[in-house]
Amino acid sequence: QLQLTESGGGSVLAGESLTLSCAASGTAFGINSMGWLRQSPGKTREMVAMVGGGAARYANSVKGRFTITRSLETMTVDLQMNNLKPEDIAVYYCKISTVNGGGTWGPGTQVTVSS
């Protein structure tokens, strides 16, 4: 069974950068995708960036500012976030999905951006 540990959240000023890191421990078979989602207060959880099948997908709101990188060897997935904006404020969750439809979530890490 997988466990995910997130790190790198924090408080920054608008225009600054943060890197979120997610490390998986345990055993995983048939990983389909790895990535990040976020949930802002009063909003539903949304996809931020995912990588699977050799391709990365980004939410339109973060394209050109965020970059996702993944290593299947080390079972890590990072999210480099540049030019952060107040609208990026959210709890960010790491998620790994498997081909059988299962998914494992991290506990979440808070990102706060002050203008």
C-alpha atoms as a PDB file:
ATOM      1  CA  GLN A   1       0.000   0.000   0.000  1.00  0.00           C
ATOM      2  CA  LEU A   2       1.234   3.466  -0.885  1.00  0.00           C
ATOM      3  CA  GLN A   3       1.749   6.387   1.436  1.00  0.00           C
ATOM      4  CA  LEU A   4       2.423   9.888   0.145  1.00  0.00           C
ATOM      5  CA  THR A   5       4.367  12.571   1.973  1.00  0.00           C
ATOM      6  CA  GLU A   6       4.186  16.169   0.774  1.00  0.00           C
ATOM      7  CA  SER A   7       6.502  19.054   1.554  1.00  0.00           C
ATOM      8  CA  GLY A   8       7.314  22.541   0.337  1.00  0.00           C
ATOM      9  CA  GLY A   9       4.166  24.481   1.064  1.00  0.00           C
ATOM     10  CA  GLY A  10       4.301  27.838   2.783  1.00  0.00           C
ATOM     11  CA  SER A  11       3.560  31.539   2.578  1.00  0.00           C
ATOM     12  CA  VAL A  12       5.061  33.769  -0.110  1.00  0.00           C
ATOM     13  CA  LEU A  13       4.487  37.126  -1.728  1.00  0.00           C
ATOM     14  CA  ALA A  14       2.847  37.426  -5.112  1.00  0.00           C
ATOM     15  CA  GLY A  15       5.391  36.840  -7.856  1.00  0.00           C
ATOM     16  CA  GLU A  16       7.536  34.536  -5.768  1.00  0.00           C
ATOM     17  CA  SER A  17       8.084  30.814  -6.218  1.00  0.00           C
ATOM     18  CA  LEU A  18       7.601  27.584  -4.308  1.00  0.00           C
ATOM     19  CA  THR A  19       8.364  23.972  -5.079  1.00  0.00           C
ATOM     20  CA  LEU A  20       6.097  21.244  -3.769  1.00  0.00           C
ATOM     21  CA  SER A  21       7.503  17.754  -3.418  1.00  0.00           C
ATOM     22  CA  CYS A  22       5.722  14.451  -2.999  1.00  0.00           C
ATOM     23  CA  ALA A  23       7.427  11.207  -2.115  1.00  0.00           C
ATOM     24  CA  ALA A  24       5.728   7.835  -2.233  1.00  0.00           C
ATOM     25  CA  SER A  25       6.629   4.926  -0.038  1.00  0.00           C
ATOM     26  CA  GLY A  26       5.341   1.384  -0.169  1.00  0.00           C
ATOM     27  CA  THR A  27       4.416  -0.772  -3.111  1.00  0.00           C
ATOM     28  CA  ALA A  28       2.570   0.367  -6.177  1.00  0.00           C
ATOM     29  CA  PHE A  29       1.688  -1.597  -9.275  1.00  0.00           C
ATOM     30  CA  GLY A  30       0.456  -0.179 -12.514  1.00  0.00           C
ATOM     31  CA  ILE A  31       0.847   3.522 -11.857  1.00  0.00           C
ATOM     32  CA  ASN A  32      -1.276   5.404 -14.342  1.00  0.00           C
ATOM     33  CA  SER A  33      -0.603   8.996 -13.374  1.00  0.00           C
ATOM     34  CA  MET A  34       0.979  11.170 -10.710  1.00  0.00           C
ATOM     35  CA  GLY A  35       0.269  14.767 -10.004  1.00  0.00           C
ATOM     36  CA  TRP A  36      -1.190  17.581  -7.987  1.00  0.00           C
ATOM     37  CA  LEU A  37      -4.654  18.879  -7.283  1.00  0.00           C
ATOM     38  CA  ARG A  38      -5.718  21.778  -5.114  1.00  0.00           C
ATOM     39  CA  GLN A  39      -8.708  22.962  -3.168  1.00  0.00           C
ATOM     40  CA  SER A  40      -9.401  26.569  -2.322  1.00  0.00           C
ATOM     41  CA  PRO A  41     -11.840  27.590   0.422  1.00  0.00           C
ATOM     42  CA  GLY A  42     -15.400  27.187  -0.783  1.00  0.00           C
ATOM     43  CA  LYS A  43     -14.378  25.544  -4.037  1.00  0.00           C
ATOM     44  CA  THR A  44     -14.221  21.992  -5.317  1.00  0.00           C
ATOM     45  CA  ARG A  45     -10.919  20.205  -5.702  1.00  0.00           C
ATOM     46  CA  GLU A  46      -9.349  20.836  -9.112  1.00  0.00           C
ATOM     47  CA  MET A  47      -6.558  19.346 -11.146  1.00  0.00           C
ATOM     48  CA  VAL A  48      -3.440  21.510 -11.239  1.00  0.00           C
ATOM     49  CA  ALA A  49      -0.933  19.311 -13.063  1.00  0.00           C
ATOM     50  CA  MET A  50      -0.777  15.623 -13.844  1.00  0.00           C
ATOM     51  CA  VAL A  51       1.697  13.442 -15.702  1.00  0.00           C
ATOM     52  CA  GLY A  52       0.899  10.068 -17.167  1.00  0.00           C
ATOM     53  CA  GLY A  53       1.607   8.157 -20.324  1.00  0.00           C
ATOM     54  CA  GLY A  54       4.613  10.366 -20.907  1.00  0.00           C
ATOM     55  CA  ALA A  55       2.554  13.527 -21.164  1.00  0.00           C
ATOM     56  CA  ALA A  56       1.915  16.357 -18.727  1.00  0.00           C
ATOM     57  CA  ARG A  57      -1.389  18.199 -18.415  1.00  0.00           C
ATOM     58  CA  TYR A  58      -1.914  21.535 -16.724  1.00  0.00           C
ATOM     59  CA  ALA A  59      -4.880  23.572 -15.661  1.00  0.00           C
ATOM     60  CA  ASN A  60      -5.221  26.609 -17.909  1.00  0.00           C
ATOM     61  CA  SER A  61      -4.786  28.881 -14.920  1.00  0.00           C
ATOM     62  CA  VAL A  62      -1.242  27.610 -14.245  1.00  0.00           C
ATOM     63  CA  LYS A  63       0.101  27.006 -17.756  1.00  0.00           C
ATOM     64  CA  GLY A  64       3.403  28.784 -18.256  1.00  0.00           C
ATOM     65  CA  ARG A  65       3.893  29.270 -14.502  1.00  0.00           C
ATOM     66  CA  PHE A  66       3.920  25.755 -13.048  1.00  0.00           C
ATOM     67  CA  THR A  67       6.058  22.787 -14.087  1.00  0.00           C
ATOM     68  CA  ILE A  68       5.546  19.199 -12.991  1.00  0.00           C
ATOM     69  CA  THR A  69       8.339  16.652 -12.897  1.00  0.00           C
ATOM     70  CA  ARG A  70       8.102  13.003 -12.008  1.00  0.00           C
ATOM     71  CA  SER A  71      10.489  10.151 -11.318  1.00  0.00           C
ATOM     72  CA  LEU A  72       9.127   6.633 -11.344  1.00  0.00           C
ATOM     73  CA  GLU A  73      12.494   5.387 -10.139  1.00  0.00           C
ATOM     74  CA  THR A  74      12.415   7.444  -6.943  1.00  0.00           C
ATOM     75  CA  MET A  75       8.602   7.595  -6.819  1.00  0.00           C
ATOM     76  CA  THR A  76       8.557  11.366  -6.498  1.00  0.00           C
ATOM     77  CA  VAL A  77       6.565  14.074  -8.176  1.00  0.00           C
ATOM     78  CA  ASP A  78       7.419  17.754  -7.813  1.00  0.00           C
ATOM     79  CA  LEU A  79       5.584  20.907  -8.736  1.00  0.00           C
ATOM     80  CA  GLN A  80       7.633  24.031  -9.420  1.00  0.00           C
ATOM     81  CA  MET A  81       5.356  27.036  -9.016  1.00  0.00           C
ATOM     82  CA  ASN A  82       6.594  30.368 -10.339  1.00  0.00           C
ATOM     83  CA  ASN A  83       4.978  33.786 -10.365  1.00  0.00           C
ATOM     84  CA  LEU A  84       2.499  32.792  -7.696  1.00  0.00           C
ATOM     85  CA  LYS A  85      -0.735  34.740  -7.469  1.00  0.00           C
ATOM     86  CA  PRO A  86      -3.294  35.188  -4.696  1.00  0.00           C
ATOM     87  CA  GLU A  87      -5.675  33.004  -6.694  1.00  0.00           C
ATOM     88  CA  ASP A  88      -3.221  30.112  -6.232  1.00  0.00           C
ATOM     89  CA  ILE A  89      -4.019  30.035  -2.512  1.00  0.00           C
ATOM     90  CA  ALA A  90      -5.171  26.513  -1.697  1.00  0.00           C
ATOM     91  CA  VAL A  91      -4.353  23.256  -0.049  1.00  0.00           C
ATOM     92  CA  TYR A  92      -2.357  21.250  -2.564  1.00  0.00           C
ATOM     93  CA  TYR A  93      -2.702  17.475  -2.678  1.00  0.00           C
ATOM     94  CA  CYS A  94      -0.451  14.934  -4.303  1.00  0.00           C
ATOM     95  CA  LYS A  95      -2.218  12.010  -5.953  1.00  0.00           C
ATOM     96  CA  ILE A  96      -1.110   8.772  -7.556  1.00  0.00           C
ATOM     97  CA  SER A  97      -3.602   6.844  -9.665  1.00  0.00           C
ATOM     98  CA  THR A  98      -3.276   3.244 -10.769  1.00  0.00           C
ATOM     99  CA  VAL A  99      -4.530   1.509 -13.867  1.00  0.00           C
ATOM    100  CA  ASN A 100      -7.148  -0.428 -11.888  1.00  0.00           C
ATOM    101  CA  GLY A 101      -8.823   2.851 -10.997  1.00  0.00           C
ATOM    102  CA  GLY A 102      -7.398   3.184  -7.516  1.00  0.00           C
ATOM    103  CA  GLY A 103      -5.865   6.338  -6.133  1.00  0.00           C
ATOM    104  CA  THR A 104      -3.787   7.415  -3.159  1.00  0.00           C
ATOM    105  CA  TRP A 105      -3.849  10.952  -1.789  1.00  0.00           C
ATOM    106  CA  GLY A 106      -1.357  12.842   0.293  1.00  0.00           C
ATOM    107  CA  PRO A 107      -2.523  14.745   3.387  1.00  0.00           C
ATOM    108  CA  GLY A 108      -2.208  18.128   1.676  1.00  0.00           C
ATOM    109  CA  THR A 109       0.065  21.120   2.076  1.00  0.00           C
ATOM    110  CA  GLN A 110      -1.047  24.739   2.373  1.00  0.00           C
ATOM    111  CA  VAL A 111       0.105  27.398  -0.080  1.00  0.00           C
ATOM    112  CA  THR A 112      -0.604  31.030   0.808  1.00  0.00           C
ATOM    113  CA  VAL A 113       0.181  33.983  -1.437  1.00  0.00           C
ATOM    114  CA  SER A 114      -0.005  37.564  -0.228  1.00  0.00           C
ATOM    115  CA  SER A 115      -0.423  40.456  -2.591  1.00  0.00           C
END
